[in-house]
């Protein structure tokens, strides 16, 4: 039951899905619980992926799977995920882009990241990230509905694992008085990290069975490279991480997963 509470707290923290009223009272909250809930972040990806897959499949079938159906399905599923998460991760990506793009000095970059207003770098990052998602999901859908669905499942689950390595490797450098991510920074235990990895096992095993080892390996590798690149950037530029950094890492890792799957499945010229 305690594990269920931690999972529901992760759902409450990272989605707009209703964990309210008596259920929220039963779940409770404390910084220690939020640290424990970190083990279930990839599990939150199961829910987000389920919504994205359902919308994608419904639109793909409604339009007959022909012509622009994969693109329309990609748009619909992306809108659905933003509604489910409240754009939490996209907001982090925009803030990180503004901070790292708008200043070379560490303290100035952190100050810019706290500003809720979106700047030129943040706007460009959002447009490019959303465009990349739509293009890649449409490409995957053009190869078959099941290809896109398995990619959505794997990407949403695995991309929520890599931010935990950022927390594990770097100190928290945000505003400790107001940051929602500060409780996560105190400690990510090896046990929590192992539990998070276990959340990823079934979706990736199913993807392996459906699409093959090469597609899985390239997808995971590209996602991991995206997460590692973000960690390196934060270590070099910020000497730590903020909550925005975690959202940005998730977005880059998600796009990396789609890119890897698309490259692995791309038809080769004779």
Protein backbone atom coordinates (compact mmCIF):
# COMPACT_ATOMS: atom_id res chain seq x y z
CA UNK A 1 0.00 0.00 0.00
CA UNK A 2 2.89 2.35 0.71
CA UNK A 3 4.26 1.73 -2.79
CA UNK A 4 0.82 2.58 -4.21
CA UNK A 5 0.82 5.83 -2.27
CA UNK A 6 4.22 6.72 -3.65
CA UNK A 7 3.06 5.93 -7.18
CA UNK A 8 -0.08 8.05 -6.84
CA UNK A 9 2.00 10.90 -5.44
CA UNK A 10 4.19 10.73 -8.55
CA UNK A 11 1.04 10.81 -10.69
CA UNK A 12 -0.25 13.80 -8.71
CA UNK A 13 3.07 15.62 -8.97
CA UNK A 14 3.78 15.10 -12.67
CA UNK A 15 0.36 14.96 -14.35
CA UNK A 16 -3.00 16.70 -14.31
CA UNK A 17 -4.78 13.40 -13.69
CA UNK A 18 -7.12 13.84 -10.71
CA UNK A 19 -5.62 12.61 -7.45
CA UNK A 20 -7.82 14.76 -5.25
CA UNK A 21 -10.22 14.74 -2.34
CA UNK A 22 -10.19 11.66 -0.15
CA UNK A 23 -7.72 9.92 -2.44
CA UNK A 24 -5.23 12.78 -2.07
CA UNK A 25 -5.75 12.79 1.68
CA UNK A 26 -5.05 9.05 1.78
CA UNK A 27 -1.93 9.43 -0.35
CA UNK A 28 -0.54 12.26 1.79
CA UNK A 29 2.63 14.23 1.18
CA UNK A 30 6.03 14.77 2.69
CA UNK A 31 9.48 15.46 1.22
CA UNK A 32 10.48 11.91 2.16
CA UNK A 33 7.47 10.52 0.28
CA UNK A 34 8.33 12.57 -2.80
CA UNK A 35 11.87 11.19 -2.72
CA UNK A 36 10.43 7.68 -2.55
CA UNK A 37 7.98 8.52 -5.35
CA UNK A 38 10.93 9.16 -7.68
CA UNK A 39 11.18 5.39 -8.18
CA UNK A 40 7.83 5.53 -9.98
CA UNK A 41 8.50 8.34 -12.47
CA UNK A 42 8.82 5.90 -15.39
CA UNK A 43 5.57 4.38 -14.17
CA UNK A 44 3.91 7.75 -14.73
CA UNK A 45 5.11 7.38 -18.31
CA UNK A 46 2.92 4.29 -18.61
CA UNK A 47 -0.18 6.43 -18.02
CA UNK A 48 0.92 9.23 -20.34
CA UNK A 49 1.85 6.71 -23.02
CA UNK A 50 -1.50 4.96 -22.64
CA UNK A 51 -3.34 8.19 -23.38
CA UNK A 52 -1.04 9.03 -26.30
CA UNK A 53 -1.38 5.56 -27.79
CA UNK A 54 -5.16 5.59 -27.47
CA UNK A 55 -5.51 8.95 -29.21
CA UNK A 56 -2.99 8.05 -31.90
CA UNK A 57 -4.72 4.76 -32.70
CA UNK A 58 -8.20 6.31 -32.70
CA UNK A 59 -7.24 9.06 -35.14
CA UNK A 60 -5.20 6.71 -37.33
CA UNK A 61 -8.13 4.32 -37.68
CA UNK A 62 -10.69 7.11 -38.09
CA UNK A 63 -8.75 8.43 -41.08
CA UNK A 64 -8.09 5.02 -42.55
CA UNK A 65 -4.35 5.10 -41.96
CA UNK A 66 -3.76 6.69 -45.36
CA UNK A 67 -2.34 9.99 -46.57
CA UNK A 68 -1.87 12.45 -43.74
CA UNK A 69 -3.44 10.15 -41.14
CA UNK A 70 -0.10 9.50 -39.34
CA UNK A 71 0.56 13.25 -39.11
CA UNK A 72 -2.93 14.01 -37.78
CA UNK A 73 -2.55 11.17 -35.28
CA UNK A 74 0.84 12.54 -34.22
CA UNK A 75 -0.66 15.99 -33.62
CA UNK A 76 -3.58 14.58 -31.66
CA UNK A 77 -1.46 12.34 -29.45
CA UNK A 78 0.99 15.17 -28.73
CA UNK A 79 -1.85 17.49 -27.72
CA UNK A 80 -3.20 14.74 -25.47
CA UNK A 81 0.12 14.29 -23.68
CA UNK A 82 0.46 18.04 -23.11
CA UNK A 83 -3.04 18.12 -21.62
CA UNK A 84 -2.30 15.15 -19.37
CA UNK A 85 0.99 16.55 -18.08
CA UNK A 86 0.06 20.22 -18.15
CA UNK A 87 3.05 20.93 -20.38
CA UNK A 88 5.25 20.46 -17.31
CA UNK A 89 8.25 19.10 -19.22
CA UNK A 90 7.86 21.41 -22.22
CA UNK A 91 7.90 24.37 -19.84
CA UNK A 92 11.16 23.10 -18.38
CA UNK A 93 12.68 22.79 -21.83
CA UNK A 94 11.75 26.37 -22.70
CA UNK A 95 13.17 27.74 -19.44
CA UNK A 96 16.43 25.82 -19.84
CA UNK A 97 16.81 27.01 -23.44
CA UNK A 98 16.26 30.60 -22.37
CA UNK A 99 18.76 30.29 -19.52
CA UNK A 100 21.55 28.51 -21.36
CA UNK A 101 20.97 30.41 -24.59
CA UNK A 102 20.60 33.83 -23.01
CA UNK A 103 23.64 33.92 -20.76
CA UNK A 104 27.11 32.44 -20.40
CA UNK A 105 27.43 33.22 -16.69
CA UNK A 106 26.04 30.54 -14.39
CA UNK A 107 24.19 32.87 -12.00
CA UNK A 108 22.67 34.88 -14.82
CA UNK A 109 21.49 31.70 -16.54
CA UNK A 110 19.83 30.49 -13.31
CA UNK A 111 18.13 33.86 -12.89
CA UNK A 112 16.74 33.75 -16.44
CA UNK A 113 15.44 30.22 -15.85
CA UNK A 114 13.37 31.44 -12.89
CA UNK A 115 11.56 33.97 -15.10
CA UNK A 116 8.17 32.58 -16.12
CA UNK A 117 8.15 34.63 -19.32
CA UNK A 118 9.28 32.82 -22.44
CA UNK A 119 12.12 34.29 -24.47
CA UNK A 120 13.41 33.83 -27.99
CA UNK A 121 15.53 30.80 -27.17
CA UNK A 122 12.69 29.13 -25.30
CA UNK A 123 10.26 29.75 -28.15
CA UNK A 124 12.70 28.32 -30.68
CA UNK A 125 13.32 25.27 -28.51
CA UNK A 126 9.59 24.58 -28.14
CA UNK A 127 8.88 24.97 -31.85
CA UNK A 128 11.78 22.75 -32.83
CA UNK A 129 11.03 20.11 -30.18
CA UNK A 130 7.34 19.88 -31.05
CA UNK A 131 8.15 19.89 -34.74
CA UNK A 132 10.63 17.06 -34.25
CA UNK A 133 8.08 15.01 -32.31
CA UNK A 134 5.37 15.47 -34.92
CA UNK A 135 7.66 14.68 -37.84
CA UNK A 136 9.14 11.59 -36.22
CA UNK A 137 5.80 10.23 -34.98
CA UNK A 138 4.31 10.79 -38.43
CA UNK A 139 7.27 8.98 -40.00
CA UNK A 140 6.89 6.07 -37.59
CA UNK A 141 3.15 5.94 -38.23
CA UNK A 142 3.75 5.77 -41.96
CA UNK A 143 5.63 2.52 -41.33
CA UNK A 144 2.63 1.02 -39.53
CA UNK A 145 0.35 1.81 -36.62
CA UNK A 146 2.01 -0.65 -34.26
CA UNK A 147 5.41 0.92 -34.92
CA UNK A 148 4.22 4.31 -33.69
CA UNK A 149 2.39 2.82 -30.72
CA UNK A 150 5.37 0.84 -29.46
CA UNK A 151 7.60 3.88 -29.93
CA UNK A 152 5.21 6.02 -27.88
CA UNK A 153 5.19 3.49 -25.06
CA UNK A 154 8.94 3.04 -24.96
CA UNK A 155 9.72 6.74 -25.29
CA UNK A 156 7.38 7.99 -22.59
CA UNK A 157 8.52 5.40 -20.08
CA UNK A 158 12.28 5.42 -20.72
CA UNK A 159 12.57 9.20 -21.08
CA UNK A 160 11.39 9.53 -17.48
CA UNK A 161 14.26 7.37 -16.25
CA UNK A 162 17.15 9.56 -17.42
CA UNK A 163 16.27 12.63 -15.28
CA UNK A 164 16.83 10.46 -12.21
CA UNK A 165 20.46 10.01 -13.25
CA UNK A 166 20.75 13.80 -13.42
CA UNK A 167 19.47 13.99 -9.84
CA UNK A 168 21.84 11.22 -8.80
CA UNK A 169 24.90 12.83 -10.40
CA UNK A 170 24.47 16.57 -9.76
CA UNK A 171 23.60 18.87 -6.84
CA UNK A 172 20.41 20.92 -6.81
CA UNK A 173 21.15 24.57 -7.62
CA UNK A 174 17.64 26.04 -7.87
CA UNK A 175 15.83 28.25 -5.39
CA UNK A 176 15.55 25.87 -2.45
CA UNK A 177 12.82 27.94 -0.81
CA UNK A 178 10.35 27.59 -3.68
CA UNK A 179 11.56 24.70 -5.84
CA UNK A 180 9.21 21.75 -6.12
CA UNK A 181 12.12 19.54 -7.16
CA UNK A 182 14.27 20.24 -4.09
CA UNK A 183 13.03 17.22 -2.11
CA UNK A 184 14.26 15.01 -4.96
CA UNK A 185 17.73 16.47 -4.70
CA UNK A 186 18.41 15.30 -1.18
CA UNK A 187 18.91 11.69 -2.19
CA UNK A 188 18.00 9.29 -4.96
CA UNK A 189 18.82 5.90 -3.52
CA UNK A 190 20.18 3.02 -5.52
CA UNK A 191 17.06 1.06 -4.58
CA UNK A 192 14.80 3.76 -6.03
CA UNK A 193 16.88 3.88 -9.19
CA UNK A 194 16.63 0.10 -9.54
CA UNK A 195 12.86 0.26 -9.12
CA UNK A 196 12.69 2.94 -11.82
CA UNK A 197 14.67 0.69 -14.17
CA UNK A 198 12.23 -2.15 -13.49
CA UNK A 199 9.33 0.07 -14.62
CA UNK A 200 11.07 0.25 -18.02
CA UNK A 201 11.60 -3.49 -18.43
CA UNK A 202 8.16 -4.60 -19.65
CA UNK A 203 7.59 -1.83 -22.25
CA UNK A 204 11.05 -2.37 -23.71
CA UNK A 205 10.62 -6.14 -23.68
CA UNK A 206 7.34 -5.78 -25.57
CA UNK A 207 8.97 -3.44 -28.07
CA UNK A 208 11.78 -5.96 -28.57
CA UNK A 209 9.27 -8.69 -29.28
CA UNK A 210 7.27 -6.55 -31.70
CA UNK A 211 9.96 -4.64 -33.58
CA UNK A 212 13.19 -6.54 -32.98
CA UNK A 213 16.46 -6.08 -31.17
CA UNK A 214 18.06 -3.59 -33.57
CA UNK A 215 15.18 -1.12 -33.28
CA UNK A 216 15.16 -1.39 -29.51
CA UNK A 217 18.92 -0.97 -29.18
CA UNK A 218 19.15 2.08 -31.44
CA UNK A 219 16.10 3.70 -29.79
CA UNK A 220 17.44 3.19 -26.27
CA UNK A 221 20.92 4.32 -27.28
CA UNK A 222 19.68 7.56 -28.86
CA UNK A 223 17.47 8.28 -25.84
CA UNK A 224 20.39 7.62 -23.47
CA UNK A 225 22.69 9.85 -25.51
CA UNK A 226 20.14 12.65 -25.30
CA UNK A 227 19.93 12.28 -21.53
CA UNK A 228 23.72 12.07 -21.17
CA UNK A 229 24.22 15.17 -23.31
CA UNK A 230 21.83 17.15 -21.13
CA UNK A 231 23.58 15.96 -17.97
CA UNK A 232 26.92 17.06 -19.41
CA UNK A 233 25.53 20.48 -20.32
CA UNK A 234 24.09 21.02 -16.85
CA UNK A 235 27.31 19.93 -15.17
CA UNK A 236 29.37 22.27 -17.34
CA UNK A 237 27.11 25.34 -17.48
CA UNK A 238 25.13 25.21 -14.23
CA UNK A 239 27.26 22.93 -12.02
CA UNK A 240 24.02 21.29 -10.95
CA UNK A 241 20.35 20.99 -11.88
CA UNK A 242 16.97 22.59 -11.29
CA UNK A 243 13.47 21.22 -11.78
CA UNK A 244 13.44 22.74 -15.27
CA UNK A 245 16.52 20.68 -16.13
CA UNK A 246 14.66 17.47 -15.35
CA UNK A 247 11.79 18.38 -17.67
CA UNK A 248 14.19 19.38 -20.43
CA UNK A 249 16.05 16.09 -20.09
CA UNK A 250 12.81 14.15 -20.44
CA UNK A 251 11.92 16.01 -23.63
CA UNK A 252 15.29 15.52 -25.30
CA UNK A 253 15.38 11.84 -24.32
CA UNK A 254 11.86 11.29 -25.67
CA UNK A 255 12.73 12.85 -29.02
CA UNK A 256 15.95 10.82 -29.09
CA UNK A 257 13.96 7.61 -28.69
CA UNK A 258 11.69 8.46 -31.64
CA UNK A 259 14.70 9.40 -33.74
CA UNK A 260 16.46 6.13 -32.96
CA UNK A 261 13.39 4.09 -33.88
CA UNK A 262 12.91 6.02 -37.12
CA UNK A 263 16.56 5.58 -38.11
CA UNK A 264 16.54 1.87 -37.31
CA UNK A 265 13.40 1.29 -39.38
CA UNK A 266 14.23 3.63 -42.26
CA UNK A 267 14.15 1.92 -45.67
CA UNK A 268 17.59 1.74 -47.20
CA UNK A 269 18.33 2.84 -50.73
CA UNK A 270 19.34 0.02 -53.02
